[in-house]
C-alpha atoms as a PDB file:
ATOM      1  CA  GLY A   1      44.624 -52.868 -78.643  1.00  0.00           C
ATOM      2  CA  GLY A   2      45.817 -51.364 -81.808  1.00  0.00           C
ATOM      3  CA  ASN A   3      48.650 -49.545 -83.452  1.00  0.00           C
ATOM      4  CA  ALA A   4      49.386 -45.903 -84.120  1.00  0.00           C
ATOM      5  CA  MET A   5      47.457 -45.932 -87.408  1.00  0.00           C
ATOM      6  CA  ASN A   6      44.528 -48.003 -86.113  1.00  0.00           C
ATOM      7  CA  PRO A   7      44.147 -47.641 -82.319  1.00  0.00           C
ATOM      8  CA  GLY A   8      41.794 -49.633 -80.143  1.00  0.00           C
ATOM      9  CA  VAL A   9      38.863 -47.702 -78.649  1.00  0.00           C
ATOM     10  CA  LEU A  10      37.013 -47.901 -75.325  1.00  0.00           C
ATOM     11  CA  SER A  11      33.988 -45.641 -75.480  1.00  0.00           C
ATOM     12  CA  ASP A  12      31.075 -45.028 -73.073  1.00  0.00           C
ATOM     13  CA  VAL A  13      32.135 -47.607 -70.467  1.00  0.00           C
ATOM     14  CA  PHE A  14      30.365 -47.715 -67.091  1.00  0.00           C
ATOM     15  CA  ALA A  15      31.559 -50.158 -64.444  1.00  0.00           C
ATOM     16  CA  ARG A  16      30.056 -50.352 -60.971  1.00  0.00           C
ATOM     17  CA  SER A  17      31.224 -52.400 -58.021  1.00  0.00           C
ATOM     18  CA  GLY A  18      28.067 -52.797 -55.976  1.00  0.00           C
ATOM     19  CA  GLY A  19      24.447 -52.841 -56.956  1.00  0.00           C
ATOM     20  CA  PRO A  20      21.443 -50.724 -56.123  1.00  0.00           C
ATOM     21  CA  ASN A  21      20.745 -52.912 -53.093  1.00  0.00           C
ATOM     22  CA  ARG A  22      23.119 -53.505 -50.217  1.00  0.00           C
ATOM     23  CA  TYR A  23      23.120 -57.284 -50.778  1.00  0.00           C
ATOM     24  CA  PRO A  24      24.454 -59.416 -52.300  1.00  0.00           C
ATOM     25  CA  GLN A  25      27.955 -58.055 -51.751  1.00  0.00           C
ATOM     26  CA  VAL A  26      30.334 -58.022 -54.687  1.00  0.00           C
ATOM     27  CA  GLU A  27      34.096 -57.670 -54.775  1.00  0.00           C
ATOM     28  CA  THR A  28      36.665 -56.956 -57.464  1.00  0.00           C
ATOM     29  CA  GLU A  29      40.339 -56.079 -57.485  1.00  0.00           C
ATOM     30  CA  THR A  30      40.325 -53.789 -60.540  1.00  0.00           C
ATOM     31  CA  MET A  31      37.456 -52.568 -62.710  1.00  0.00           C
ATOM     32  CA  ILE A  32      39.387 -52.153 -65.960  1.00  0.00           C
ATOM     33  CA  THR A  33      42.933 -52.908 -67.100  1.00  0.00           C
ATOM     34  CA  VAL A  34      44.342 -51.549 -70.349  1.00  0.00           C
ATOM     35  CA  ALA A  35      47.218 -53.946 -70.926  1.00  0.00           C
ATOM     36  CA  THR A  36      47.983 -53.157 -74.552  1.00  0.00           C
ATOM     37  CA  GLY A  37      49.193 -50.060 -76.334  1.00  0.00           C
ATOM     38  CA  HIS A  38      47.610 -47.556 -78.690  1.00  0.00           C
ATOM     39  CA  VAL A  39      44.210 -47.425 -77.030  1.00  0.00           C
ATOM     40  CA  ILE A  40      41.906 -44.400 -76.913  1.00  0.00           C
ATOM     41  CA  GLY A  41      39.421 -44.146 -74.064  1.00  0.00           C
ATOM     42  CA  ASP A  42      36.521 -41.717 -73.961  1.00  0.00           C
ATOM     43  CA  ASN A  43      33.819 -41.441 -71.299  1.00  0.00           C
ATOM     44  CA  LEU A  44      34.827 -44.151 -68.824  1.00  0.00           C
ATOM     45  CA  TRP A  45      33.107 -43.996 -65.431  1.00  0.00           C
ATOM     46  CA  LEU A  46      34.411 -46.533 -62.934  1.00  0.00           C
ATOM     47  CA  TRP A  47      32.491 -46.362 -59.666  1.00  0.00           C
ATOM     48  CA  ARG A  48      32.675 -48.277 -56.404  1.00  0.00           C
ATOM     49  CA  ALA A  49      29.203 -47.713 -55.037  1.00  0.00           C
ATOM     50  CA  ASP A  50      29.375 -45.336 -52.084  1.00  0.00           C
ATOM     51  CA  HIS A  51      25.630 -45.627 -51.552  1.00  0.00           C
ATOM     52  CA  THR A  52      22.739 -47.929 -52.336  1.00  0.00           C
ATOM     53  CA  ALA A  53      18.979 -47.577 -52.239  1.00  0.00           C
ATOM     54  CA  ALA A  54      19.304 -48.401 -48.521  1.00  0.00           C
ATOM     55  CA  GLY A  55      21.764 -45.566 -47.833  1.00  0.00           C
ATOM     56  CA  HIS A  56      25.513 -45.060 -47.565  1.00  0.00           C
ATOM     57  CA  THR A  57      27.953 -47.953 -47.688  1.00  0.00           C
ATOM     58  CA  THR A  58      31.077 -48.592 -45.632  1.00  0.00           C
ATOM     59  CA  PRO A  59      34.577 -49.452 -46.880  1.00  0.00           C
ATOM     60  CA  ALA A  60      33.766 -53.119 -46.177  1.00  0.00           C
ATOM     61  CA  ASP A  61      30.868 -53.002 -48.658  1.00  0.00           C
ATOM     62  CA  ASN A  62      31.633 -53.868 -52.297  1.00  0.00           C
ATOM     63  CA  PRO A  63      35.418 -53.698 -51.917  1.00  0.00           C
ATOM     64  CA  CYS A  64      37.372 -52.701 -55.001  1.00  0.00           C
ATOM     65  CA  SER A  65      41.059 -51.792 -54.889  1.00  0.00           C
ATOM     66  CA  HIS A  66      41.506 -49.917 -58.179  1.00  0.00           C
ATOM     67  CA  GLY A  67      39.332 -48.404 -60.858  1.00  0.00           C
ATOM     68  CA  ALA A  68      41.851 -48.320 -63.715  1.00  0.00           C
ATOM     69  CA  LEU A  69      45.238 -49.860 -64.391  1.00  0.00           C
ATOM     70  CA  ILE A  70      46.800 -48.397 -67.517  1.00  0.00           C
ATOM     71  CA  GLU A  71      49.738 -50.641 -68.398  1.00  0.00           C
ATOM     72  CA  GLY A  72      49.913 -50.176 -72.168  1.00  0.00           C
ATOM     73  CA  ASP A  73      52.055 -47.568 -73.889  1.00  0.00           C
ATOM     74  CA  ASP A  74      50.612 -44.713 -75.951  1.00  0.00           C
ATOM     75  CA  VAL A  75      47.196 -44.802 -74.252  1.00  0.00           C
ATOM     76  CA  THR A  76      45.063 -41.658 -74.506  1.00  0.00           C
ATOM     77  CA  MET A  77      42.115 -40.973 -72.221  1.00  0.00           C
ATOM     78  CA  TYR A  78      39.733 -38.187 -73.163  1.00  0.00           C
ATOM     79  CA  GLY A  79      37.377 -38.831 -70.264  1.00  0.00           C
ATOM     80  CA  LEU A  80      38.200 -41.024 -67.259  1.00  0.00           C
ATOM     81  CA  ALA A  81      36.367 -40.851 -63.935  1.00  0.00           C
ATOM     82  CA  VAL A  82      37.237 -43.193 -61.066  1.00  0.00           C
ATOM     83  CA  GLU A  83      35.391 -42.997 -57.776  1.00  0.00           C
ATOM     84  CA  HIS A  84      35.657 -44.385 -54.246  1.00  0.00           C
ATOM     85  CA  THR A  85      38.003 -47.360 -54.724  1.00  0.00           C
ATOM     86  CA  LEU A  86      39.908 -48.389 -51.625  1.00  0.00           C
ATOM     87  CA  LYS A  87      43.532 -48.167 -52.821  1.00  0.00           C
ATOM     88  CA  ASP A  88      45.128 -46.088 -55.610  1.00  0.00           C
ATOM     89  CA  LEU A  89      42.175 -45.142 -57.807  1.00  0.00           C
ATOM     90  CA  THR A  90      44.190 -45.118 -61.041  1.00  0.00           C
ATOM     91  CA  ILE A  91      47.658 -46.538 -61.624  1.00  0.00           C
ATOM     92  CA  TRP A  92      49.166 -45.413 -64.920  1.00  0.00           C
ATOM     93  CA  SER A  93      52.405 -47.275 -65.615  1.00  0.00           C
ATOM     94  CA  GLY A  94      52.413 -47.199 -69.419  1.00  0.00           C
ATOM     95  CA  ASN A  95      54.702 -44.812 -71.258  1.00  0.00           C
ATOM     96  CA  ARG A  96      53.817 -41.821 -73.466  1.00  0.00           C
ATOM     97  CA  GLY A  97      50.191 -41.783 -72.331  1.00  0.00           C
ATOM     98  CA  GLN A  98      47.949 -38.741 -72.083  1.00  0.00           C
ATOM     99  CA  ALA A  99      44.889 -37.929 -70.021  1.00  0.00           C
ATOM    100  CA  TYR A 100      42.878 -34.899 -71.133  1.00  0.00           C
ATOM    101  CA  PHE A 101      40.130 -35.169 -68.527  1.00  0.00           C
ATOM    102  CA  TYR A 102      40.468 -37.063 -65.269  1.00  0.00           C
ATOM    103  CA  GLN A 103      38.114 -36.947 -62.314  1.00  0.00           C
ATOM    104  CA  SER A 104      38.406 -38.885 -59.088  1.00  0.00           C
ATOM    105  CA  GLU A 105      36.517 -38.992 -55.842  1.00  0.00           C
ATOM    106  CA  LEU A 106      38.392 -40.488 -52.925  1.00  0.00           C
ATOM    107  CA  PRO A 107      36.648 -43.120 -50.804  1.00  0.00           C
ATOM    108  CA  TYR A 108      34.296 -42.108 -48.019  1.00  0.00           C
ATOM    109  CA  GLY A 109      34.491 -43.672 -44.594  1.00  0.00           C
ATOM    110  CA  VAL A 110      38.153 -44.644 -44.629  1.00  0.00           C
ATOM    111  CA  THR A 111      40.428 -43.572 -41.800  1.00  0.00           C
ATOM    112  CA  GLN A 112      43.805 -41.906 -42.007  1.00  0.00           C
ATOM    113  CA  GLN A 113      45.378 -45.253 -41.059  1.00  0.00           C
ATOM    114  CA  GLN A 114      43.405 -47.173 -43.725  1.00  0.00           C
ATOM    115  CA  TRP A 115      44.149 -44.817 -46.608  1.00  0.00           C
ATOM    116  CA  GLY A 116      46.335 -41.770 -46.069  1.00  0.00           C
ATOM    117  CA  ASP A 117      49.085 -43.390 -44.013  1.00  0.00           C
ATOM    118  CA  LYS A 118      49.414 -46.136 -46.629  1.00  0.00           C
ATOM    119  CA  GLY A 119      50.119 -43.508 -49.279  1.00  0.00           C
ATOM    120  CA  TYR A 120      47.148 -44.210 -51.533  1.00  0.00           C
ATOM    121  CA  VAL A 121      46.340 -41.521 -54.101  1.00  0.00           C
ATOM    122  CA  GLY A 122      43.758 -40.717 -56.745  1.00  0.00           C
ATOM    123  CA  TYR A 123      46.250 -40.937 -59.642  1.00  0.00           C
ATOM    124  CA  ARG A 124      49.636 -42.640 -59.622  1.00  0.00           C
END
């Protein structure tokens, strides 16, 4: 983290839940958490693998609930992409934050009951 005059920086971060091969399976709750204030993020790509060299995956493969949790205040994201996680893709609970570019891809293979009826969203 940092302060207003000297912010922390996350730059060119790539996180992937799931490898190029179907096995071994991996699992994570959240790919990245920004828990402190005055952080600048640029070019973060947080991806739950929706395919491998063997083909498409299912929601049971490489489970990951969230790509980004932004809990700190005064966080600025210039480039944040979160893809295919199985619950809210990004949860932004910090105050006075700004996102200038945000891209999300919702998960493939989930049913209305697994995702939509539970109220999950790409950005909360």
